Amino acid sequence: MARPNCLLLGCGILQQEVRFLIKKNHWPLDTDFLDSSLHVNFENLAQQLQSGFLRNKGRDIAVFYGCCHPRMEKMLEDAHSFRTDGQNCVEMLLGREKFMEELSNGAFFLLEDWALCWDKAMGNTFGSNPDVVREIFQLSSKFLLCLRTPCSGDFQKAADEAGEKVGLPVRWMDVGLDHLEGVLRQVVERKLHAHENE
């Protein structure tokens, strides 16, 4: 059987984990990852997503994003595509129940890629005034919850520095890939099923 022309286009925040799972499961799925901080700029996210569709014209594209843009569903409809199931990448990683539990406890979720490019991502989101950034974080969150997966490197120093900058304690949670694997499996099965019916 010929390899399906399937491509996963989307956020690069969990690209190490996604690539690991694709390889582990021998899924016939190529990838095209975008910058992980695009969700803080709707206009830029829309532009980069559209560029991704154009760049991969002729491919059978699924999108690895949550509800990260108010027009996400419309953009996908226009591109004859669909996205992964979940509100955002953290929910896809943790599962809805654990995500909502930690969110209600006051967590601001920190993944490796965001920790390593903290100043750039926060500057793009909140501007360069450190006092404003601290105030916003302390009003909305109680702690930074750093999510460490089996694919993560050591980002302890970057996480600690982020915690100091926003004046919040840093906590750690080791996370498996079961939930993310389930989300990706749905995408692969939907794509392969569509090819079988052609």
Protein backbone atom coordinates (compact mmCIF):
# COMPACT_ATOMS: atom_id res chain seq x y z
CA MET A 1 0.00 0.00 0.00
CA ALA A 2 1.31 3.46 -0.89
CA ARG A 3 2.15 5.76 1.99
CA PRO A 4 -0.71 8.24 2.55
CA ASN A 5 0.10 11.86 1.80
CA CYS A 6 -0.67 12.94 5.39
CA LEU A 7 0.89 15.86 7.20
CA LEU A 8 0.48 17.25 10.70
CA LEU A 9 0.79 21.05 10.65
CA GLY A 10 0.78 22.97 13.89
CA CYS A 11 2.28 24.26 17.09
CA GLY A 12 5.86 23.25 17.82
CA ILE A 13 5.46 23.30 21.60
CA LEU A 14 5.37 19.49 21.87
CA GLN A 15 7.29 18.65 18.70
CA GLN A 16 9.78 16.36 20.48
CA GLU A 17 6.90 14.39 21.98
CA VAL A 18 4.91 14.29 18.74
CA ARG A 19 7.92 13.11 16.71
CA PHE A 20 8.68 10.46 19.33
CA LEU A 21 5.11 9.12 19.19
CA ILE A 22 5.02 9.11 15.37
CA LYS A 23 8.25 7.10 15.29
CA LYS A 24 7.16 4.78 18.11
CA ASN A 25 3.86 3.93 16.38
CA HIS A 26 5.23 3.91 12.81
CA TRP A 27 2.49 6.33 11.81
CA PRO A 28 2.60 7.46 8.14
CA LEU A 29 2.53 11.11 9.12
CA ASP A 30 4.94 13.91 8.23
CA THR A 31 5.19 17.09 10.30
CA ASP A 32 5.52 20.84 9.80
CA PHE A 33 5.83 22.69 13.11
CA LEU A 34 5.26 26.41 13.70
CA ASP A 35 6.70 28.66 16.43
CA SER A 36 5.30 27.75 19.86
CA SER A 37 4.51 31.34 20.90
CA LEU A 38 2.18 32.22 18.00
CA HIS A 39 -0.91 31.80 20.21
CA VAL A 40 -0.12 35.15 21.85
CA ASN A 41 -0.58 37.00 18.54
CA PHE A 42 -3.76 36.07 16.68
CA GLU A 43 -2.83 37.89 13.48
CA ASN A 44 0.58 36.24 13.29
CA LEU A 45 -0.89 32.82 14.12
CA ALA A 46 -3.44 33.15 11.31
CA GLN A 47 -0.74 34.24 8.85
CA GLN A 48 1.63 31.41 9.77
CA LEU A 49 -1.13 28.81 9.61
CA GLN A 50 -2.22 30.05 6.18
CA SER A 51 1.42 29.99 5.03
CA GLY A 52 1.66 26.41 6.28
CA PHE A 53 -1.38 25.39 4.24
CA LEU A 54 0.08 27.05 1.13
CA ARG A 55 3.55 25.58 1.71
CA ASN A 56 2.03 22.10 1.95
CA LYS A 57 -0.51 22.44 -0.86
CA GLY A 58 -1.47 19.04 -2.22
CA ARG A 59 -0.88 17.33 1.14
CA ASP A 60 -3.66 15.83 3.26
CA ILE A 61 -3.30 18.13 6.29
CA ALA A 62 -4.45 17.77 9.88
CA VAL A 63 -3.73 20.58 12.33
CA PHE A 64 -2.07 20.23 15.74
CA TYR A 65 -3.67 23.12 17.63
CA GLY A 66 -6.29 23.70 20.26
CA CYS A 67 -8.77 26.60 20.29
CA CYS A 68 -5.81 28.97 20.02
CA HIS A 69 -7.45 31.44 17.64
CA PRO A 70 -11.04 32.77 17.75
CA ARG A 71 -11.41 31.92 14.04
CA MET A 72 -9.64 28.55 14.21
CA GLU A 73 -12.65 26.47 13.12
CA LYS A 74 -13.41 28.82 10.19
CA MET A 75 -9.77 28.73 9.02
CA LEU A 76 -9.81 24.93 9.14
CA GLU A 77 -13.12 24.77 7.31
CA ASP A 78 -11.75 27.03 4.55
CA ALA A 79 -8.67 24.79 4.27
CA HIS A 80 -10.77 21.57 4.28
CA SER A 81 -8.89 20.40 7.34
CA PHE A 82 -9.54 19.55 11.00
CA ARG A 83 -7.60 19.91 14.24
CA THR A 84 -6.58 17.75 17.16
CA ASP A 85 -9.15 17.30 19.90
CA GLY A 86 -8.55 19.53 22.93
CA GLN A 87 -8.75 23.07 24.22
CA ASN A 88 -4.96 23.51 24.05
CA CYS A 89 -1.69 21.59 24.05
CA VAL A 90 -1.61 21.27 27.85
CA GLU A 91 -5.03 19.63 27.87
CA MET A 92 -3.87 17.28 25.10
CA LEU A 93 -0.86 16.35 27.24
CA LEU A 94 -2.54 16.05 30.65
CA GLY A 95 -6.07 15.00 29.72
CA ARG A 96 -9.06 17.24 30.39
CA GLU A 97 -9.67 16.20 34.00
CA LYS A 98 -6.10 16.78 35.24
CA PHE A 99 -5.80 19.98 33.20
CA MET A 100 -8.96 21.46 34.73
CA GLU A 101 -7.97 20.34 38.23
CA GLU A 102 -4.56 22.03 38.09
CA LEU A 103 -5.99 25.11 36.39
CA SER A 104 -8.54 25.52 39.20
CA ASN A 105 -5.69 25.13 41.73
CA GLY A 106 -4.06 28.23 40.21
CA ALA A 107 -1.46 26.72 37.88
CA PHE A 108 0.20 28.56 35.03
CA PHE A 109 1.50 25.69 32.92
CA LEU A 110 5.09 25.91 31.77
CA LEU A 111 6.47 23.63 29.07
CA GLU A 112 10.15 23.37 28.16
CA ASP A 113 9.99 25.40 24.97
CA TRP A 114 8.16 28.29 26.66
CA ALA A 115 10.60 28.27 29.58
CA LEU A 116 13.57 28.45 27.23
CA CYS A 117 12.13 31.40 25.28
CA TRP A 118 10.38 33.04 28.25
CA ASP A 119 11.50 36.64 27.70
CA LYS A 120 10.56 36.62 24.02
CA ALA A 121 7.15 35.01 24.60
CA MET A 122 6.26 37.21 27.58
CA GLY A 123 7.54 40.36 25.88
CA ASN A 124 5.35 39.64 22.87
CA THR A 125 2.38 39.04 25.14
CA PHE A 126 2.62 41.61 27.91
CA GLY A 127 5.27 44.10 26.83
CA SER A 128 8.64 44.71 28.43
CA ASN A 129 7.61 46.16 31.81
CA PRO A 130 8.59 43.52 34.42
CA ASP A 131 6.32 45.01 37.10
CA VAL A 132 3.27 44.71 34.84
CA VAL A 133 4.17 41.11 33.98
CA ARG A 134 4.55 40.22 37.69
CA GLU A 135 1.24 41.84 38.55
CA ILE A 136 -0.63 40.05 35.77
CA PHE A 137 0.77 36.64 36.78
CA GLN A 138 0.17 37.14 40.49
CA LEU A 139 -3.43 38.17 39.85
CA SER A 140 -4.21 35.19 37.65
CA SER A 141 -2.00 32.35 38.97
CA LYS A 142 -0.66 30.93 42.22
CA PHE A 143 2.32 28.96 40.88
CA LEU A 144 4.16 27.89 37.75
CA LEU A 145 3.56 24.21 37.06
CA CYS A 146 6.42 22.88 34.95
CA LEU A 147 5.46 19.83 32.92
CA ARG A 148 8.32 17.41 32.33
CA THR A 149 7.78 14.64 29.76
CA PRO A 150 10.01 11.67 28.92
CA CYS A 151 11.28 13.79 25.98
CA SER A 152 12.13 16.89 28.03
CA GLY A 153 15.64 18.13 28.58
CA ASP A 154 16.81 19.85 31.76
CA PHE A 155 15.02 23.21 31.90
CA GLN A 156 15.18 23.67 35.68
CA LYS A 157 17.33 26.83 35.49
CA ALA A 158 15.06 28.49 32.90
CA ALA A 159 11.96 27.57 34.92
CA ASP A 160 13.43 28.93 38.16
CA GLU A 161 14.34 32.19 36.41
CA ALA A 162 10.78 32.49 35.04
CA GLY A 163 9.41 31.93 38.54
CA GLU A 164 11.66 34.66 39.95
CA LYS A 165 10.59 37.09 37.22
CA VAL A 166 6.89 36.67 37.98
CA GLY A 167 7.28 36.17 41.72
CA LEU A 168 5.58 32.76 41.83
CA PRO A 169 6.74 29.43 43.24
CA VAL A 170 7.76 26.75 40.76
CA ARG A 171 6.34 23.24 41.00
CA TRP A 172 7.12 20.21 38.83
CA MET A 173 4.98 17.44 37.42
CA ASP A 174 6.25 14.44 35.47
CA VAL A 175 3.84 13.68 32.66
CA GLY A 176 3.52 10.58 30.51
CA LEU A 177 2.52 10.67 26.84
CA ASP A 178 -0.60 8.50 27.02
CA HIS A 179 -3.12 11.34 26.58
CA LEU A 180 -1.15 12.97 23.77
CA GLU A 181 -0.76 9.61 22.07
CA GLY A 182 -4.54 9.11 22.21
CA VAL A 183 -5.14 12.54 20.64
CA LEU A 184 -2.69 11.83 17.82
CA ARG A 185 -4.06 8.32 17.29
CA GLN A 186 -7.51 9.84 16.60
CA VAL A 187 -5.97 12.06 13.92
CA VAL A 188 -4.07 9.21 12.28
CA GLU A 189 -7.06 6.86 12.31
CA ARG A 190 -9.32 9.56 10.85
CA LYS A 191 -6.81 10.26 8.07
CA LEU A 192 -6.14 6.61 7.25
CA HIS A 193 -9.85 5.81 7.33
CA ALA A 194 -10.48 8.63 4.84
CA HIS A 195 -7.81 7.17 2.52
CA GLU A 196 -9.33 3.69 2.73
CA ASN A 197 -12.67 5.09 1.60
CA GLU A 198 -11.28 6.93 -1.42
